Amino acid sequence: MKISVFGANGKVGSLVVDELLRNNFQVVAFCYGKTSFRPNNNLTVIRGNVYNRQDVDRAIKGSEAVISTLGSWGSKNKDILSEGMKNIVAIMDHYRIKRIVSLTGADAHIEGEYLKTHDKLMRVFIKLFAKKILIDGEIHIEILKNSDLNWTVLRSPVMNNKGNPKEFILSNKKTKPWNSVNRASVALCLIELLSENKCIKQAPFIKRA
């Protein structure tokens, strides 16, 4: 199976690429800027800009599925996830590729979801310093919801390198503001969601087991 990975040179994206290669998948790693991947017969590196539809086309053409670990932290306009997803969805539609798994933050809210009082307070706090990041993640979910793709969005709390990467669970209940998860767990979970076709048209939360 050939999988295109967007945000492949990021902290989570690079782990996704490495794990896919360890499991003998063919991987197209879409990267912005320099990369440090070791040569591998199953790896193709595409350097490009996710805002550019032709670059996105080059990365997706010939693949069977997509994993996105795009994020807007450190970017100027804080819209990489939403604007990039517009191009990804369009190109996937063009090539009739259906399966995509995407990553965003745990505070990204989907319309109609119930929020507890502490969740509402947390959103107010986040909007004080990362409003555009929050909105970017939420818009990207809406883009996928309105598409014909078999999408899954994984919502993750703060990531670190603590704990056993294999000890994680999926939940429909929002994580607590103080929760965290190993980023290697996130990488493993993204691949599991895709390869096992779990949580189609859903946006589960990842938690430590």
C-alpha atoms as a PDB file:
ATOM      1  CA  MET A   1       0.000   0.000   0.000  1.00  0.00           C
ATOM      2  CA  LYS A   2       1.297   3.443  -0.932  1.00  0.00           C
ATOM      3  CA  ILE A   3       0.592   6.254   1.524  1.00  0.00           C
ATOM      4  CA  SER A   4       1.208   9.992   1.183  1.00  0.00           C
ATOM      5  CA  VAL A   5       2.233  11.673   4.447  1.00  0.00           C
ATOM      6  CA  PHE A   6       1.850  15.449   4.749  1.00  0.00           C
ATOM      7  CA  GLY A   7       3.915  17.272   7.338  1.00  0.00           C
ATOM      8  CA  ALA A   8       6.344  14.376   7.038  1.00  0.00           C
ATOM      9  CA  ASN A   9       9.363  16.221   8.401  1.00  0.00           C
ATOM     10  CA  GLY A  10       7.578  17.342  11.585  1.00  0.00           C
ATOM     11  CA  LYS A  11       7.935  15.718  14.998  1.00  0.00           C
ATOM     12  CA  VAL A  12       4.942  13.414  14.526  1.00  0.00           C
ATOM     13  CA  GLY A  13       5.140  13.145  10.754  1.00  0.00           C
ATOM     14  CA  SER A  14       8.704  11.824  10.809  1.00  0.00           C
ATOM     15  CA  LEU A  15       7.658   9.146  13.317  1.00  0.00           C
ATOM     16  CA  VAL A  16       4.761   8.173  11.053  1.00  0.00           C
ATOM     17  CA  VAL A  17       7.097   7.832   8.074  1.00  0.00           C
ATOM     18  CA  ASP A  18       9.610   5.745  10.010  1.00  0.00           C
ATOM     19  CA  GLU A  19       6.907   3.413  11.352  1.00  0.00           C
ATOM     20  CA  LEU A  20       5.301   2.966   7.938  1.00  0.00           C
ATOM     21  CA  LEU A  21       8.660   2.071   6.431  1.00  0.00           C
ATOM     22  CA  ARG A  22       9.342  -0.418   9.241  1.00  0.00           C
ATOM     23  CA  ASN A  23       6.098  -2.106   8.253  1.00  0.00           C
ATOM     24  CA  ASN A  24       7.008  -2.217   4.555  1.00  0.00           C
ATOM     25  CA  PHE A  25       4.537   0.371   3.315  1.00  0.00           C
ATOM     26  CA  GLN A  26       5.469   2.521   0.346  1.00  0.00           C
ATOM     27  CA  VAL A  27       5.647   6.113   1.528  1.00  0.00           C
ATOM     28  CA  VAL A  28       5.535   9.493  -0.187  1.00  0.00           C
ATOM     29  CA  ALA A  29       6.811  12.042   2.330  1.00  0.00           C
ATOM     30  CA  PHE A  30       5.622  15.572   1.550  1.00  0.00           C
ATOM     31  CA  CYS A  31       7.990  18.034   3.197  1.00  0.00           C
ATOM     32  CA  TYR A  32       8.477  21.767   3.387  1.00  0.00           C
ATOM     33  CA  GLY A  33      12.144  22.547   3.845  1.00  0.00           C
ATOM     34  CA  LYS A  34      15.033  20.251   4.711  1.00  0.00           C
ATOM     35  CA  THR A  35      14.654  16.575   5.568  1.00  0.00           C
ATOM     36  CA  SER A  36      16.847  14.007   7.297  1.00  0.00           C
ATOM     37  CA  PHE A  37      15.321  10.752   6.070  1.00  0.00           C
ATOM     38  CA  ARG A  38      17.717   7.942   5.304  1.00  0.00           C
ATOM     39  CA  PRO A  39      17.549   6.509   1.778  1.00  0.00           C
ATOM     40  CA  ASN A  40      14.960   3.750   1.497  1.00  0.00           C
ATOM     41  CA  ASN A  41      13.652   1.952  -1.570  1.00  0.00           C
ATOM     42  CA  ASN A  42      10.096   2.381  -0.263  1.00  0.00           C
ATOM     43  CA  LEU A  43      10.458   6.126   0.356  1.00  0.00           C
ATOM     44  CA  THR A  44       9.876   9.015  -2.041  1.00  0.00           C
ATOM     45  CA  VAL A  45      10.444  12.536  -0.716  1.00  0.00           C
ATOM     46  CA  ILE A  46       8.474  15.366  -2.314  1.00  0.00           C
ATOM     47  CA  ARG A  47       9.510  18.885  -1.355  1.00  0.00           C
ATOM     48  CA  GLY A  48       6.797  21.433  -1.838  1.00  0.00           C
ATOM     49  CA  ASN A  49       4.300  23.884  -0.405  1.00  0.00           C
ATOM     50  CA  VAL A  50       0.881  22.660   0.678  1.00  0.00           C
ATOM     51  CA  TYR A  51      -0.630  25.943  -0.534  1.00  0.00           C
ATOM     52  CA  ASN A  52       0.421  24.949  -4.073  1.00  0.00           C
ATOM     53  CA  ARG A  53      -2.078  22.531  -5.615  1.00  0.00           C
ATOM     54  CA  GLN A  54       0.444  21.260  -8.175  1.00  0.00           C
ATOM     55  CA  ASP A  55       2.839  20.301  -5.378  1.00  0.00           C
ATOM     56  CA  VAL A  56       0.029  18.507  -3.564  1.00  0.00           C
ATOM     57  CA  ASP A  57      -0.867  16.728  -6.793  1.00  0.00           C
ATOM     58  CA  ARG A  58       2.683  15.419  -7.147  1.00  0.00           C
ATOM     59  CA  ALA A  59       2.544  14.041  -3.616  1.00  0.00           C
ATOM     60  CA  ILE A  60      -0.828  12.303  -3.900  1.00  0.00           C
ATOM     61  CA  LYS A  61      -0.855  10.959  -7.455  1.00  0.00           C
ATOM     62  CA  GLY A  62      -0.401   7.181  -7.381  1.00  0.00           C
ATOM     63  CA  SER A  63      -1.087   6.791  -3.651  1.00  0.00           C
ATOM     64  CA  GLU A  64      -3.934   4.839  -2.082  1.00  0.00           C
ATOM     65  CA  ALA A  65      -4.372   6.825   1.134  1.00  0.00           C
ATOM     66  CA  VAL A  66      -3.242   9.969   2.962  1.00  0.00           C
ATOM     67  CA  ILE A  67      -2.071  10.754   6.481  1.00  0.00           C
ATOM     68  CA  SER A  68      -1.840  14.430   7.452  1.00  0.00           C
ATOM     69  CA  THR A  69       0.184  15.697  10.394  1.00  0.00           C
ATOM     70  CA  LEU A  70       0.106  19.289   9.177  1.00  0.00           C
ATOM     71  CA  GLY A  71       0.048  22.059  11.759  1.00  0.00           C
ATOM     72  CA  SER A  72       0.145  25.844  11.802  1.00  0.00           C
ATOM     73  CA  TRP A  73       2.385  26.494  14.801  1.00  0.00           C
ATOM     74  CA  GLY A  74       5.289  28.666  13.674  1.00  0.00           C
ATOM     75  CA  SER A  75       3.605  29.692  10.428  1.00  0.00           C
ATOM     76  CA  LYS A  76       2.719  33.256   9.503  1.00  0.00           C
ATOM     77  CA  ASN A  77      -0.986  32.999   8.670  1.00  0.00           C
ATOM     78  CA  LYS A  78      -1.850  30.057  10.966  1.00  0.00           C
ATOM     79  CA  ASP A  79      -3.981  28.431   8.251  1.00  0.00           C
ATOM     80  CA  ILE A  80      -1.780  25.640   6.916  1.00  0.00           C
ATOM     81  CA  LEU A  81      -4.094  22.873   8.100  1.00  0.00           C
ATOM     82  CA  SER A  82      -7.287  24.317   6.632  1.00  0.00           C
ATOM     83  CA  GLU A  83      -5.846  25.718   3.410  1.00  0.00           C
ATOM     84  CA  GLY A  84      -3.745  22.619   2.864  1.00  0.00           C
ATOM     85  CA  MET A  85      -6.742  20.372   3.428  1.00  0.00           C
ATOM     86  CA  LYS A  86      -8.678  22.197   0.711  1.00  0.00           C
ATOM     87  CA  ASN A  87      -5.985  21.187  -1.784  1.00  0.00           C
ATOM     88  CA  ILE A  88      -5.599  17.673  -0.407  1.00  0.00           C
ATOM     89  CA  VAL A  89      -9.345  16.978  -0.621  1.00  0.00           C
ATOM     90  CA  ALA A  90      -9.545  18.370  -4.158  1.00  0.00           C
ATOM     91  CA  ILE A  91      -6.652  16.246  -5.392  1.00  0.00           C
ATOM     92  CA  MET A  92      -7.908  13.123  -3.629  1.00  0.00           C
ATOM     93  CA  ASP A  93     -11.289  13.639  -5.298  1.00  0.00           C
ATOM     94  CA  HIS A  94      -9.574  14.046  -8.657  1.00  0.00           C
ATOM     95  CA  TYR A  95      -7.751  10.716  -8.327  1.00  0.00           C
ATOM     96  CA  ARG A  96     -10.691   9.009  -6.577  1.00  0.00           C
ATOM     97  CA  ILE A  97      -8.668   8.302  -3.440  1.00  0.00           C
ATOM     98  CA  LYS A  98     -10.986   7.929  -0.473  1.00  0.00           C
ATOM     99  CA  ARG A  99      -9.082   7.269   2.760  1.00  0.00           C
ATOM    100  CA  ILE A 100      -7.506  10.028   4.842  1.00  0.00           C
ATOM    101  CA  VAL A 101      -6.493  10.279   8.499  1.00  0.00           C
ATOM    102  CA  SER A 102      -5.645  13.723   9.853  1.00  0.00           C
ATOM    103  CA  LEU A 103      -4.283  15.061  13.145  1.00  0.00           C
ATOM    104  CA  THR A 104      -5.331  18.125  15.109  1.00  0.00           C
ATOM    105  CA  GLY A 105      -5.468  19.369  18.692  1.00  0.00           C
ATOM    106  CA  ALA A 106      -7.833  18.021  21.340  1.00  0.00           C
ATOM    107  CA  ASP A 107      -9.509  21.404  21.776  1.00  0.00           C
ATOM    108  CA  ALA A 108     -10.800  21.503  18.196  1.00  0.00           C
ATOM    109  CA  HIS A 109     -14.562  21.462  18.604  1.00  0.00           C
ATOM    110  CA  ILE A 110     -17.129  19.940  16.261  1.00  0.00           C
ATOM    111  CA  GLU A 111     -20.489  21.654  16.003  1.00  0.00           C
ATOM    112  CA  GLY A 112     -23.096  19.877  18.099  1.00  0.00           C
ATOM    113  CA  GLU A 113     -20.650  18.397  20.615  1.00  0.00           C
ATOM    114  CA  TYR A 114     -21.387  18.950  24.292  1.00  0.00           C
ATOM    115  CA  LEU A 115     -18.819  20.997  26.183  1.00  0.00           C
ATOM    116  CA  LYS A 116     -18.487  20.858  29.954  1.00  0.00           C
ATOM    117  CA  THR A 117     -17.843  24.029  31.914  1.00  0.00           C
ATOM    118  CA  HIS A 118     -14.088  23.439  32.176  1.00  0.00           C
ATOM    119  CA  ASP A 119     -13.961  22.776  28.402  1.00  0.00           C
ATOM    120  CA  LYS A 120     -15.646  26.128  27.730  1.00  0.00           C
ATOM    121  CA  LEU A 121     -13.226  27.884  30.066  1.00  0.00           C
ATOM    122  CA  MET A 122     -10.297  26.173  28.351  1.00  0.00           C
ATOM    123  CA  ARG A 123     -11.503  27.404  24.957  1.00  0.00           C
ATOM    124  CA  VAL A 124     -11.635  30.957  26.285  1.00  0.00           C
ATOM    125  CA  PHE A 125      -8.067  30.581  27.548  1.00  0.00           C
ATOM    126  CA  ILE A 126      -6.795  29.096  24.270  1.00  0.00           C
ATOM    127  CA  LYS A 127      -8.412  31.861  22.248  1.00  0.00           C
ATOM    128  CA  LEU A 128      -6.312  34.371  24.180  1.00  0.00           C
ATOM    129  CA  PHE A 129      -3.030  33.040  22.798  1.00  0.00           C
ATOM    130  CA  ALA A 130      -3.823  30.570  19.988  1.00  0.00           C
ATOM    131  CA  LYS A 131      -7.197  31.538  18.522  1.00  0.00           C
ATOM    132  CA  LYS A 132      -6.069  31.145  14.911  1.00  0.00           C
ATOM    133  CA  ILE A 133      -4.596  27.700  15.592  1.00  0.00           C
ATOM    134  CA  LEU A 134      -7.859  26.550  17.153  1.00  0.00           C
ATOM    135  CA  ILE A 135      -9.951  27.916  14.301  1.00  0.00           C
ATOM    136  CA  ASP A 136      -7.591  26.370  11.735  1.00  0.00           C
ATOM    137  CA  GLY A 137      -8.098  22.913  13.234  1.00  0.00           C
ATOM    138  CA  GLU A 138     -11.862  23.308  13.392  1.00  0.00           C
ATOM    139  CA  ILE A 139     -12.177  24.541   9.822  1.00  0.00           C
ATOM    140  CA  HIS A 140     -10.113  21.607   8.585  1.00  0.00           C
ATOM    141  CA  ILE A 141     -12.534  19.204  10.297  1.00  0.00           C
ATOM    142  CA  GLU A 142     -15.484  20.916   8.597  1.00  0.00           C
ATOM    143  CA  ILE A 143     -13.752  20.623   5.218  1.00  0.00           C
ATOM    144  CA  LEU A 144     -13.383  16.880   5.728  1.00  0.00           C
ATOM    145  CA  LYS A 145     -16.946  16.511   7.054  1.00  0.00           C
ATOM    146  CA  ASN A 146     -18.278  18.200   3.921  1.00  0.00           C
ATOM    147  CA  SER A 147     -16.212  16.002   1.604  1.00  0.00           C
ATOM    148  CA  ASP A 148     -17.005  12.576   0.137  1.00  0.00           C
ATOM    149  CA  LEU A 149     -13.865  11.084   1.670  1.00  0.00           C
ATOM    150  CA  ASN A 150     -13.622   8.310   4.237  1.00  0.00           C
ATOM    151  CA  TRP A 151     -12.010  10.618   6.764  1.00  0.00           C
ATOM    152  CA  THR A 152     -10.891  10.273  10.352  1.00  0.00           C
ATOM    153  CA  VAL A 153      -9.540  13.118  12.474  1.00  0.00           C
ATOM    154  CA  LEU A 154      -7.461  12.175  15.502  1.00  0.00           C
ATOM    155  CA  ARG A 155      -7.638  14.806  18.247  1.00  0.00           C
ATOM    156  CA  SER A 156      -4.611  14.831  20.519  1.00  0.00           C
ATOM    157  CA  PRO A 157      -3.773  16.633  23.781  1.00  0.00           C
ATOM    158  CA  VAL A 158      -0.303  18.031  24.446  1.00  0.00           C
ATOM    159  CA  MET A 159       2.363  15.630  23.219  1.00  0.00           C
ATOM    160  CA  ASN A 160       5.654  14.632  24.848  1.00  0.00           C
ATOM    161  CA  ASN A 161       8.001  11.632  24.995  1.00  0.00           C
ATOM    162  CA  LYS A 162       6.800  10.179  28.292  1.00  0.00           C
ATOM    163  CA  GLY A 163       5.365   6.725  28.872  1.00  0.00           C
ATOM    164  CA  ASN A 164       5.062   3.587  26.783  1.00  0.00           C
ATOM    165  CA  PRO A 165       4.180   4.544  23.187  1.00  0.00           C
ATOM    166  CA  LYS A 166       2.046   1.420  22.786  1.00  0.00           C
ATOM    167  CA  GLU A 167      -0.177   2.237  25.755  1.00  0.00           C
ATOM    168  CA  PHE A 168      -2.925   4.419  24.341  1.00  0.00           C
ATOM    169  CA  ILE A 169      -6.676   4.267  23.861  1.00  0.00           C
ATOM    170  CA  LEU A 170      -9.260   6.026  21.712  1.00  0.00           C
ATOM    171  CA  SER A 171     -12.246   7.747  23.253  1.00  0.00           C
ATOM    172  CA  ASN A 172     -15.264   9.769  22.208  1.00  0.00           C
ATOM    173  CA  LYS A 173     -14.901  11.807  25.414  1.00  0.00           C
ATOM    174  CA  LYS A 174     -12.744  14.921  25.353  1.00  0.00           C
ATOM    175  CA  THR A 175      -9.409  14.746  27.141  1.00  0.00           C
ATOM    176  CA  LYS A 176      -8.889  16.812  30.281  1.00  0.00           C
ATOM    177  CA  PRO A 177      -6.898  20.080  29.870  1.00  0.00           C
ATOM    178  CA  TRP A 178      -4.013  18.654  31.909  1.00  0.00           C
ATOM    179  CA  ASN A 179      -3.774  15.390  29.931  1.00  0.00           C
ATOM    180  CA  SER A 180      -0.839  14.568  27.659  1.00  0.00           C
ATOM    181  CA  VAL A 181       0.201  11.709  25.399  1.00  0.00           C
ATOM    182  CA  ASN A 182       3.401  10.288  23.943  1.00  0.00           C
ATOM    183  CA  ARG A 183       3.825  11.623  20.392  1.00  0.00           C
ATOM    184  CA  ALA A 184       5.010   8.163  19.301  1.00  0.00           C
ATOM    185  CA  SER A 185       1.597   6.884  20.462  1.00  0.00           C
ATOM    186  CA  VAL A 186      -0.021   9.455  18.182  1.00  0.00           C
ATOM    187  CA  ALA A 187       2.046   8.244  15.223  1.00  0.00           C
ATOM    188  CA  LEU A 188       1.141   4.611  15.920  1.00  0.00           C
ATOM    189  CA  CYS A 189      -2.522   5.514  16.326  1.00  0.00           C
ATOM    190  CA  LEU A 190      -2.681   7.415  13.033  1.00  0.00           C
ATOM    191  CA  ILE A 191      -1.334   4.363  11.209  1.00  0.00           C
ATOM    192  CA  GLU A 192      -3.665   1.997  13.066  1.00  0.00           C
ATOM    193  CA  LEU A 193      -6.687   4.135  12.195  1.00  0.00           C
ATOM    194  CA  LEU A 194      -5.749   4.079   8.536  1.00  0.00           C
ATOM    195  CA  SER A 195      -4.626   0.476   8.119  1.00  0.00           C
ATOM    196  CA  GLU A 196      -7.571  -0.975  10.075  1.00  0.00           C
ATOM    197  CA  ASN A 197     -10.167   1.468   8.688  1.00  0.00           C
ATOM    198  CA  LYS A 198     -11.212   2.511  12.167  1.00  0.00           C
ATOM    199  CA  CYS A 199     -13.460   5.453  13.091  1.00  0.00           C
ATOM    200  CA  ILE A 200     -14.607   6.349   9.570  1.00  0.00           C
ATOM    201  CA  LYS A 201     -16.180   9.837   9.536  1.00  0.00           C
ATOM    202  CA  GLN A 202     -15.359  10.284  13.216  1.00  0.00           C
ATOM    203  CA  ALA A 203     -12.964  12.441  15.254  1.00  0.00           C
ATOM    204  CA  PRO A 204     -11.873  10.429  18.318  1.00  0.00           C
ATOM    205  CA  PHE A 205      -9.544  11.614  21.077  1.00  0.00           C
ATOM    206  CA  ILE A 206      -6.327   9.788  21.927  1.00  0.00           C
ATOM    207  CA  LYS A 207      -5.473   9.187  25.592  1.00  0.00           C
ATOM    208  CA  ARG A 208      -2.865   7.344  27.613  1.00  0.00           C
ATOM    209  CA  ALA A 209      -4.084   3.874  28.537  1.00  0.00           C
END
